[in-house]
């Protein structure tokens, strides 16, 4: 699942582009796993509609439209908003203090430019709210939706850290005031804005042509293990990483 999640994130952030050939051996070498989990991950992603298999030719990345990405974040926003609404009157004072602490740490980390920590704190901030809602059905559907929402790449997206640093306080204020409607609306707007930032980011990378189709060029793929667990991965644009070129064409 870690391998599938990593490749899924690479696709949804434009690090792997539509039409790009996905070769088992280079991917396995880059991620330091055997080809078996790579193949299993690609079969899972094929079932999700993100890649396609070709007889005796392996796998290629399928095209993703702007509307696809907007739909993913719209679903995410709706469910996360409902969870925030339900959590409002259930959060304990201890949980509210944890949220305040996370919000302050996010602002500090954003100021320091520590995108990786902002990503982690952002995830934990929303997890506290989602768990407090005590809504297992919504949580299950949220999990199914958020696996399509890339988590490890937001630090590369212009405006994301600033949005994360400024948009949690209004949500927290609504939760502290016990205003379920405001908590839902603000959470939905927060998630939708992340989707807009991702689409804008992909636009700057020429992910789509002026006619709305995928482009056929892409910079080399950068993959990085965390140095501790070979099944935990991240991709960054900084130097000093293991570089792997996956050709778009045969």
C-alpha atoms as a PDB file:
ATOM      1  CA  UNK A   1       0.000   0.000   0.000  1.00  0.00           C
ATOM      2  CA  UNK A   2       2.918   2.347   0.678  1.00  0.00           C
ATOM      3  CA  UNK A   3       4.203   1.782  -2.846  1.00  0.00           C
ATOM      4  CA  UNK A   4       0.788   2.391  -4.401  1.00  0.00           C
ATOM      5  CA  UNK A   5       0.294   5.528  -2.294  1.00  0.00           C
ATOM      6  CA  UNK A   6       3.649   6.909  -3.385  1.00  0.00           C
ATOM      7  CA  UNK A   7       3.075   6.279  -7.090  1.00  0.00           C
ATOM      8  CA  UNK A   8      -0.467   7.649  -6.764  1.00  0.00           C
ATOM      9  CA  UNK A   9       0.902  10.867  -5.265  1.00  0.00           C
ATOM     10  CA  UNK A  10       3.452  11.165  -8.079  1.00  0.00           C
ATOM     11  CA  UNK A  11       0.663  10.901 -10.647  1.00  0.00           C
ATOM     12  CA  UNK A  12      -1.700  13.316  -8.916  1.00  0.00           C
ATOM     13  CA  UNK A  13       1.002  15.975  -8.590  1.00  0.00           C
ATOM     14  CA  UNK A  14       2.326  15.715 -12.131  1.00  0.00           C
ATOM     15  CA  UNK A  15       5.634  14.041 -11.304  1.00  0.00           C
ATOM     16  CA  UNK A  16       4.448  11.209 -13.539  1.00  0.00           C
ATOM     17  CA  UNK A  17       2.620  12.476 -16.616  1.00  0.00           C
ATOM     18  CA  UNK A  18      -0.113  10.977 -18.803  1.00  0.00           C
ATOM     19  CA  UNK A  19       1.312   8.517 -21.309  1.00  0.00           C
ATOM     20  CA  UNK A  20       4.489   7.970 -19.314  1.00  0.00           C
ATOM     21  CA  UNK A  21       5.780   4.404 -19.322  1.00  0.00           C
ATOM     22  CA  UNK A  22       5.991   2.831 -15.877  1.00  0.00           C
ATOM     23  CA  UNK A  23       8.803   0.288 -15.889  1.00  0.00           C
ATOM     24  CA  UNK A  24       8.873  -2.244 -13.065  1.00  0.00           C
ATOM     25  CA  UNK A  25      12.628  -2.603 -12.640  1.00  0.00           C
ATOM     26  CA  UNK A  26      13.565   1.117 -12.515  1.00  0.00           C
ATOM     27  CA  UNK A  27      10.706   1.801 -10.110  1.00  0.00           C
ATOM     28  CA  UNK A  28      11.688  -1.160  -7.919  1.00  0.00           C
ATOM     29  CA  UNK A  29      15.316  -0.035  -7.839  1.00  0.00           C
ATOM     30  CA  UNK A  30      14.371   3.554  -7.000  1.00  0.00           C
ATOM     31  CA  UNK A  31      11.996   2.545  -4.215  1.00  0.00           C
ATOM     32  CA  UNK A  32      14.290  -0.245  -2.972  1.00  0.00           C
ATOM     33  CA  UNK A  33      11.679  -2.978  -3.202  1.00  0.00           C
ATOM     34  CA  UNK A  34      11.227  -6.005  -5.438  1.00  0.00           C
ATOM     35  CA  UNK A  35       9.185  -5.825  -8.622  1.00  0.00           C
ATOM     36  CA  UNK A  36       6.329  -7.770  -6.977  1.00  0.00           C
ATOM     37  CA  UNK A  37       4.984  -4.866  -4.835  1.00  0.00           C
ATOM     38  CA  UNK A  38       5.494  -2.539  -7.802  1.00  0.00           C
ATOM     39  CA  UNK A  39       3.330  -4.754 -10.016  1.00  0.00           C
ATOM     40  CA  UNK A  40       0.716  -5.112  -7.266  1.00  0.00           C
ATOM     41  CA  UNK A  41       0.651  -1.334  -6.808  1.00  0.00           C
ATOM     42  CA  UNK A  42       0.218  -0.706 -10.533  1.00  0.00           C
ATOM     43  CA  UNK A  43      -2.629  -3.238 -10.729  1.00  0.00           C
ATOM     44  CA  UNK A  44      -4.342  -1.424  -7.828  1.00  0.00           C
ATOM     45  CA  UNK A  45      -3.840   1.933  -9.552  1.00  0.00           C
ATOM     46  CA  UNK A  46      -5.247   0.461 -12.762  1.00  0.00           C
ATOM     47  CA  UNK A  47      -8.409  -0.494 -10.847  1.00  0.00           C
ATOM     48  CA  UNK A  48      -8.557   3.093  -9.578  1.00  0.00           C
ATOM     49  CA  UNK A  49      -8.306   4.435 -13.134  1.00  0.00           C
ATOM     50  CA  UNK A  50      -4.924   6.118 -12.742  1.00  0.00           C
ATOM     51  CA  UNK A  51      -2.859   3.812 -14.960  1.00  0.00           C
ATOM     52  CA  UNK A  52      -3.586   1.448 -17.826  1.00  0.00           C
ATOM     53  CA  UNK A  53      -2.000  -1.871 -18.697  1.00  0.00           C
ATOM     54  CA  UNK A  54      -0.932  -2.730 -22.222  1.00  0.00           C
ATOM     55  CA  UNK A  55      -0.548  -6.318 -23.413  1.00  0.00           C
ATOM     56  CA  UNK A  56       3.131  -7.282 -23.258  1.00  0.00           C
ATOM     57  CA  UNK A  57       4.047  -3.603 -22.849  1.00  0.00           C
ATOM     58  CA  UNK A  58       3.535  -2.963 -19.138  1.00  0.00           C
ATOM     59  CA  UNK A  59       1.776   0.095 -17.724  1.00  0.00           C
ATOM     60  CA  UNK A  60       1.297   3.749 -18.623  1.00  0.00           C
ATOM     61  CA  UNK A  61      -0.097   6.706 -16.706  1.00  0.00           C
ATOM     62  CA  UNK A  62      -3.643   7.630 -17.742  1.00  0.00           C
ATOM     63  CA  UNK A  63      -4.712  11.200 -18.426  1.00  0.00           C
ATOM     64  CA  UNK A  64      -6.155  13.209 -15.523  1.00  0.00           C
ATOM     65  CA  UNK A  65      -8.261  16.270 -16.227  1.00  0.00           C
ATOM     66  CA  UNK A  66      -8.601  19.468 -14.243  1.00  0.00           C
ATOM     67  CA  UNK A  67     -12.177  18.412 -13.517  1.00  0.00           C
ATOM     68  CA  UNK A  68     -10.969  15.087 -12.096  1.00  0.00           C
ATOM     69  CA  UNK A  69      -8.789  16.902  -9.579  1.00  0.00           C
ATOM     70  CA  UNK A  70     -11.544  19.385  -8.715  1.00  0.00           C
ATOM     71  CA  UNK A  71     -13.966  16.483  -8.176  1.00  0.00           C
ATOM     72  CA  UNK A  72     -11.527  14.743  -5.820  1.00  0.00           C
ATOM     73  CA  UNK A  73     -11.176  17.839  -3.673  1.00  0.00           C
ATOM     74  CA  UNK A  74     -14.906  18.557  -3.803  1.00  0.00           C
ATOM     75  CA  UNK A  75     -15.607  15.104  -2.363  1.00  0.00           C
ATOM     76  CA  UNK A  76     -12.887  15.554   0.216  1.00  0.00           C
ATOM     77  CA  UNK A  77     -14.237  18.992   1.180  1.00  0.00           C
ATOM     78  CA  UNK A  78     -17.817  17.752   1.590  1.00  0.00           C
ATOM     79  CA  UNK A  79     -16.904  14.842   3.864  1.00  0.00           C
ATOM     80  CA  UNK A  80     -14.322  16.792   5.866  1.00  0.00           C
ATOM     81  CA  UNK A  81     -16.861  19.583   6.330  1.00  0.00           C
ATOM     82  CA  UNK A  82     -19.467  17.182   7.678  1.00  0.00           C
ATOM     83  CA  UNK A  83     -16.929  15.701  10.080  1.00  0.00           C
ATOM     84  CA  UNK A  84     -15.955  19.162  11.329  1.00  0.00           C
ATOM     85  CA  UNK A  85     -19.633  20.006  11.820  1.00  0.00           C
ATOM     86  CA  UNK A  86     -20.222  16.891  13.896  1.00  0.00           C
ATOM     87  CA  UNK A  87     -16.986  17.280  15.846  1.00  0.00           C
ATOM     88  CA  UNK A  88     -17.797  20.843  16.954  1.00  0.00           C
ATOM     89  CA  UNK A  89     -19.936  19.882  19.931  1.00  0.00           C
ATOM     90  CA  UNK A  90     -17.900  16.780  20.772  1.00  0.00           C
ATOM     91  CA  UNK A  91     -14.362  18.130  21.003  1.00  0.00           C
ATOM     92  CA  UNK A  92     -12.976  18.108  24.536  1.00  0.00           C
ATOM     93  CA  UNK A  93     -11.006  20.969  26.028  1.00  0.00           C
ATOM     94  CA  UNK A  94      -7.910  18.812  25.738  1.00  0.00           C
ATOM     95  CA  UNK A  95      -8.513  18.267  22.026  1.00  0.00           C
ATOM     96  CA  UNK A  96      -9.116  21.982  21.506  1.00  0.00           C
ATOM     97  CA  UNK A  97      -5.798  22.704  23.222  1.00  0.00           C
ATOM     98  CA  UNK A  98      -4.106  20.176  20.922  1.00  0.00           C
ATOM     99  CA  UNK A  99      -5.627  21.897  17.890  1.00  0.00           C
ATOM    100  CA  UNK A 100      -4.426  25.281  19.119  1.00  0.00           C
ATOM    101  CA  UNK A 101      -0.937  23.864  19.660  1.00  0.00           C
ATOM    102  CA  UNK A 102      -0.903  22.352  16.168  1.00  0.00           C
ATOM    103  CA  UNK A 103      -2.095  25.609  14.630  1.00  0.00           C
ATOM    104  CA  UNK A 104       0.683  27.559  16.369  1.00  0.00           C
ATOM    105  CA  UNK A 105       3.292  24.997  15.307  1.00  0.00           C
ATOM    106  CA  UNK A 106       2.056  25.142  11.711  1.00  0.00           C
ATOM    107  CA  UNK A 107       2.491  28.924  11.641  1.00  0.00           C
ATOM    108  CA  UNK A 108       5.973  28.661  13.163  1.00  0.00           C
ATOM    109  CA  UNK A 109       7.035  25.895  10.764  1.00  0.00           C
ATOM    110  CA  UNK A 110       5.650  27.786   7.767  1.00  0.00           C
ATOM    111  CA  UNK A 111       7.626  30.873   8.785  1.00  0.00           C
ATOM    112  CA  UNK A 112      10.755  28.724   8.994  1.00  0.00           C
ATOM    113  CA  UNK A 113      10.007  27.185   5.606  1.00  0.00           C
ATOM    114  CA  UNK A 114       9.756  23.661   7.012  1.00  0.00           C
ATOM    115  CA  UNK A 115       7.251  22.287   4.527  1.00  0.00           C
ATOM    116  CA  UNK A 116       7.641  18.677   5.610  1.00  0.00           C
ATOM    117  CA  UNK A 117       6.680  19.505   9.195  1.00  0.00           C
ATOM    118  CA  UNK A 118       3.790  21.690   8.012  1.00  0.00           C
ATOM    119  CA  UNK A 119       2.465  18.731   6.016  1.00  0.00           C
ATOM    120  CA  UNK A 120       2.641  16.434   9.048  1.00  0.00           C
ATOM    121  CA  UNK A 121       1.074  18.950  11.426  1.00  0.00           C
ATOM    122  CA  UNK A 122      -1.674  19.749   8.923  1.00  0.00           C
ATOM    123  CA  UNK A 123      -2.510  16.050   8.675  1.00  0.00           C
ATOM    124  CA  UNK A 124      -2.605  15.710  12.467  1.00  0.00           C
ATOM    125  CA  UNK A 125      -4.750  18.855  12.883  1.00  0.00           C
ATOM    126  CA  UNK A 126      -7.490  17.467  10.669  1.00  0.00           C
ATOM    127  CA  UNK A 127      -7.151  13.967  12.104  1.00  0.00           C
ATOM    128  CA  UNK A 128      -7.985  15.280  15.601  1.00  0.00           C
ATOM    129  CA  UNK A 129     -11.191  16.822  14.227  1.00  0.00           C
ATOM    130  CA  UNK A 130     -12.124  13.791  12.141  1.00  0.00           C
ATOM    131  CA  UNK A 131     -11.720  11.374  15.036  1.00  0.00           C
ATOM    132  CA  UNK A 132     -13.668  13.615  17.403  1.00  0.00           C
ATOM    133  CA  UNK A 133     -16.674  13.463  15.064  1.00  0.00           C
ATOM    134  CA  UNK A 134     -17.165   9.782  15.971  1.00  0.00           C
ATOM    135  CA  UNK A 135     -18.692   9.091  12.565  1.00  0.00           C
ATOM    136  CA  UNK A 136     -17.216   5.804  11.308  1.00  0.00           C
ATOM    137  CA  UNK A 137     -19.106   5.759   8.006  1.00  0.00           C
ATOM    138  CA  UNK A 138     -17.998   9.259   7.080  1.00  0.00           C
ATOM    139  CA  UNK A 139     -14.468   8.462   8.243  1.00  0.00           C
ATOM    140  CA  UNK A 140     -14.408   5.370   6.035  1.00  0.00           C
ATOM    141  CA  UNK A 141     -15.468   7.331   2.966  1.00  0.00           C
ATOM    142  CA  UNK A 142     -13.031  10.112   3.849  1.00  0.00           C
ATOM    143  CA  UNK A 143     -10.205   7.569   3.916  1.00  0.00           C
ATOM    144  CA  UNK A 144     -11.269   6.283   0.495  1.00  0.00           C
ATOM    145  CA  UNK A 145     -11.323   9.833  -0.858  1.00  0.00           C
ATOM    146  CA  UNK A 146      -8.168  11.219   0.719  1.00  0.00           C
ATOM    147  CA  UNK A 147      -5.957   8.491  -0.684  1.00  0.00           C
ATOM    148  CA  UNK A 148      -6.378  10.365  -3.973  1.00  0.00           C
ATOM    149  CA  UNK A 149      -5.376  13.647  -2.335  1.00  0.00           C
ATOM    150  CA  UNK A 150      -1.563  13.896  -2.414  1.00  0.00           C
ATOM    151  CA  UNK A 151      -0.073  14.476   1.013  1.00  0.00           C
ATOM    152  CA  UNK A 152       3.699  14.546   0.577  1.00  0.00           C
ATOM    153  CA  UNK A 153       4.052  17.192  -2.118  1.00  0.00           C
ATOM    154  CA  UNK A 154       2.256  20.285  -0.875  1.00  0.00           C
ATOM    155  CA  UNK A 155       5.468  22.003   0.201  1.00  0.00           C
ATOM    156  CA  UNK A 156       6.286  22.350  -3.515  1.00  0.00           C
ATOM    157  CA  UNK A 157       3.010  24.123  -4.288  1.00  0.00           C
ATOM    158  CA  UNK A 158       3.120  27.921  -4.210  1.00  0.00           C
ATOM    159  CA  UNK A 159       0.773  29.369  -1.607  1.00  0.00           C
ATOM    160  CA  UNK A 160       0.039  26.108   0.206  1.00  0.00           C
ATOM    161  CA  UNK A 161       2.145  26.711   3.301  1.00  0.00           C
ATOM    162  CA  UNK A 162       0.753  30.235   3.623  1.00  0.00           C
ATOM    163  CA  UNK A 163      -2.810  28.929   3.334  1.00  0.00           C
ATOM    164  CA  UNK A 164      -2.130  26.228   5.906  1.00  0.00           C
ATOM    165  CA  UNK A 165      -0.676  28.807   8.294  1.00  0.00           C
ATOM    166  CA  UNK A 166      -3.617  31.225   8.017  1.00  0.00           C
ATOM    167  CA  UNK A 167      -6.722  29.115   7.414  1.00  0.00           C
ATOM    168  CA  UNK A 168      -6.673  26.852  10.463  1.00  0.00           C
ATOM    169  CA  UNK A 169      -7.235  29.630  12.991  1.00  0.00           C
ATOM    170  CA  UNK A 170     -10.723  30.536  11.654  1.00  0.00           C
ATOM    171  CA  UNK A 171     -11.681  26.847  11.727  1.00  0.00           C
ATOM    172  CA  UNK A 172     -10.384  26.540  15.275  1.00  0.00           C
ATOM    173  CA  UNK A 173     -12.251  29.688  16.297  1.00  0.00           C
ATOM    174  CA  UNK A 174     -15.522  28.218  15.005  1.00  0.00           C
ATOM    175  CA  UNK A 175     -14.850  24.983  16.901  1.00  0.00           C
ATOM    176  CA  UNK A 176     -14.072  26.884  20.103  1.00  0.00           C
ATOM    177  CA  UNK A 177     -17.276  28.949  19.743  1.00  0.00           C
ATOM    178  CA  UNK A 178     -19.308  25.796  19.210  1.00  0.00           C
ATOM    179  CA  UNK A 179     -20.525  26.900  15.758  1.00  0.00           C
ATOM    180  CA  UNK A 180     -21.024  23.724  13.681  1.00  0.00           C
ATOM    181  CA  UNK A 181     -22.194  25.525  10.520  1.00  0.00           C
ATOM    182  CA  UNK A 182     -19.183  27.829  10.457  1.00  0.00           C
ATOM    183  CA  UNK A 183     -16.790  24.958  11.159  1.00  0.00           C
ATOM    184  CA  UNK A 184     -18.247  23.043   8.220  1.00  0.00           C
ATOM    185  CA  UNK A 185     -18.163  25.984   5.804  1.00  0.00           C
ATOM    186  CA  UNK A 186     -14.626  27.027   6.713  1.00  0.00           C
ATOM    187  CA  UNK A 187     -13.331  23.460   6.448  1.00  0.00           C
ATOM    188  CA  UNK A 188     -14.930  23.014   3.030  1.00  0.00           C
ATOM    189  CA  UNK A 189     -13.425  26.274   1.791  1.00  0.00           C
ATOM    190  CA  UNK A 190     -10.011  25.292   3.168  1.00  0.00           C
ATOM    191  CA  UNK A 191     -10.006  21.947   1.348  1.00  0.00           C
ATOM    192  CA  UNK A 192     -11.333  23.390  -1.909  1.00  0.00           C
ATOM    193  CA  UNK A 193      -8.602  26.035  -1.855  1.00  0.00           C
ATOM    194  CA  UNK A 194      -5.979  23.302  -1.645  1.00  0.00           C
ATOM    195  CA  UNK A 195      -7.464  21.789  -4.807  1.00  0.00           C
ATOM    196  CA  UNK A 196      -7.296  25.142  -6.578  1.00  0.00           C
ATOM    197  CA  UNK A 197      -3.649  25.513  -5.583  1.00  0.00           C
ATOM    198  CA  UNK A 198      -2.860  22.038  -6.919  1.00  0.00           C
ATOM    199  CA  UNK A 199      -4.532  22.744 -10.279  1.00  0.00           C
ATOM    200  CA  UNK A 200      -2.683  26.068 -10.489  1.00  0.00           C
ATOM    201  CA  UNK A 201       0.588  24.293  -9.693  1.00  0.00           C
ATOM    202  CA  UNK A 202       0.025  21.748 -12.453  1.00  0.00           C
ATOM    203  CA  UNK A 203      -0.784  24.588 -14.846  1.00  0.00           C
ATOM    204  CA  UNK A 204       2.590  26.173 -14.137  1.00  0.00           C
ATOM    205  CA  UNK A 205       4.222  22.828 -14.923  1.00  0.00           C
ATOM    206  CA  UNK A 206       2.413  22.709 -18.319  1.00  0.00           C
ATOM    207  CA  UNK A 207       0.684  19.511 -17.234  1.00  0.00           C
ATOM    208  CA  UNK A 208      -2.091  20.255 -19.721  1.00  0.00           C
ATOM    209  CA  UNK A 209      -1.873  21.746 -23.196  1.00  0.00           C
ATOM    210  CA  UNK A 210      -3.937  24.779 -24.167  1.00  0.00           C
ATOM    211  CA  UNK A 211      -6.491  22.332 -25.557  1.00  0.00           C
ATOM    212  CA  UNK A 212      -6.861  20.566 -22.226  1.00  0.00           C
ATOM    213  CA  UNK A 213      -4.875  17.448 -23.095  1.00  0.00           C
ATOM    214  CA  UNK A 214      -1.700  16.112 -21.488  1.00  0.00           C
ATOM    215  CA  UNK A 215       1.710  17.208 -22.595  1.00  0.00           C
ATOM    216  CA  UNK A 216       4.362  14.662 -23.515  1.00  0.00           C
ATOM    217  CA  UNK A 217       7.351  16.178 -21.744  1.00  0.00           C
ATOM    218  CA  UNK A 218       8.297  16.089 -18.097  1.00  0.00           C
ATOM    219  CA  UNK A 219      11.389  16.675 -15.958  1.00  0.00           C
ATOM    220  CA  UNK A 220      13.154  13.651 -14.418  1.00  0.00           C
ATOM    221  CA  UNK A 221      11.357  11.911 -11.599  1.00  0.00           C
ATOM    222  CA  UNK A 222      12.888  12.377  -8.171  1.00  0.00           C
ATOM    223  CA  UNK A 223      12.340   9.691  -5.568  1.00  0.00           C
ATOM    224  CA  UNK A 224      13.674   9.504  -2.061  1.00  0.00           C
ATOM    225  CA  UNK A 225      13.506   6.995   0.769  1.00  0.00           C
ATOM    226  CA  UNK A 226      13.561   8.340   4.283  1.00  0.00           C
ATOM    227  CA  UNK A 227      16.711   6.461   5.234  1.00  0.00           C
ATOM    228  CA  UNK A 228      14.966   4.445   7.930  1.00  0.00           C
ATOM    229  CA  UNK A 229      12.145   2.489   6.323  1.00  0.00           C
ATOM    230  CA  UNK A 230      12.392   1.397   2.708  1.00  0.00           C
ATOM    231  CA  UNK A 231       8.608   1.409   2.412  1.00  0.00           C
ATOM    232  CA  UNK A 232       8.233   5.037   3.484  1.00  0.00           C
ATOM    233  CA  UNK A 233       8.810   7.452   0.637  1.00  0.00           C
ATOM    234  CA  UNK A 234       8.749  11.126  -0.245  1.00  0.00           C
ATOM    235  CA  UNK A 235       9.483  13.143  -3.355  1.00  0.00           C
ATOM    236  CA  UNK A 236      11.056  16.548  -3.214  1.00  0.00           C
ATOM    237  CA  UNK A 237      12.433  19.063  -5.693  1.00  0.00           C
ATOM    238  CA  UNK A 238      15.590  19.755  -3.704  1.00  0.00           C
ATOM    239  CA  UNK A 239      19.000  18.496  -4.776  1.00  0.00           C
ATOM    240  CA  UNK A 240      20.838  15.568  -3.290  1.00  0.00           C
ATOM    241  CA  UNK A 241      18.202  12.944  -4.031  1.00  0.00           C
ATOM    242  CA  UNK A 242      18.237   9.689  -5.935  1.00  0.00           C
ATOM    243  CA  UNK A 243      17.275  10.561  -9.496  1.00  0.00           C
ATOM    244  CA  UNK A 244      15.397   8.217 -11.798  1.00  0.00           C
ATOM    245  CA  UNK A 245      14.482   9.019 -15.401  1.00  0.00           C
ATOM    246  CA  UNK A 246      11.322   7.254 -16.590  1.00  0.00           C
ATOM    247  CA  UNK A 247      10.905   7.914 -20.309  1.00  0.00           C
ATOM    248  CA  UNK A 248       7.573   9.083 -21.645  1.00  0.00           C
ATOM    249  CA  UNK A 249       8.018   7.141 -24.858  1.00  0.00           C
ATOM    250  CA  UNK A 250       9.517   3.738 -25.577  1.00  0.00           C
END
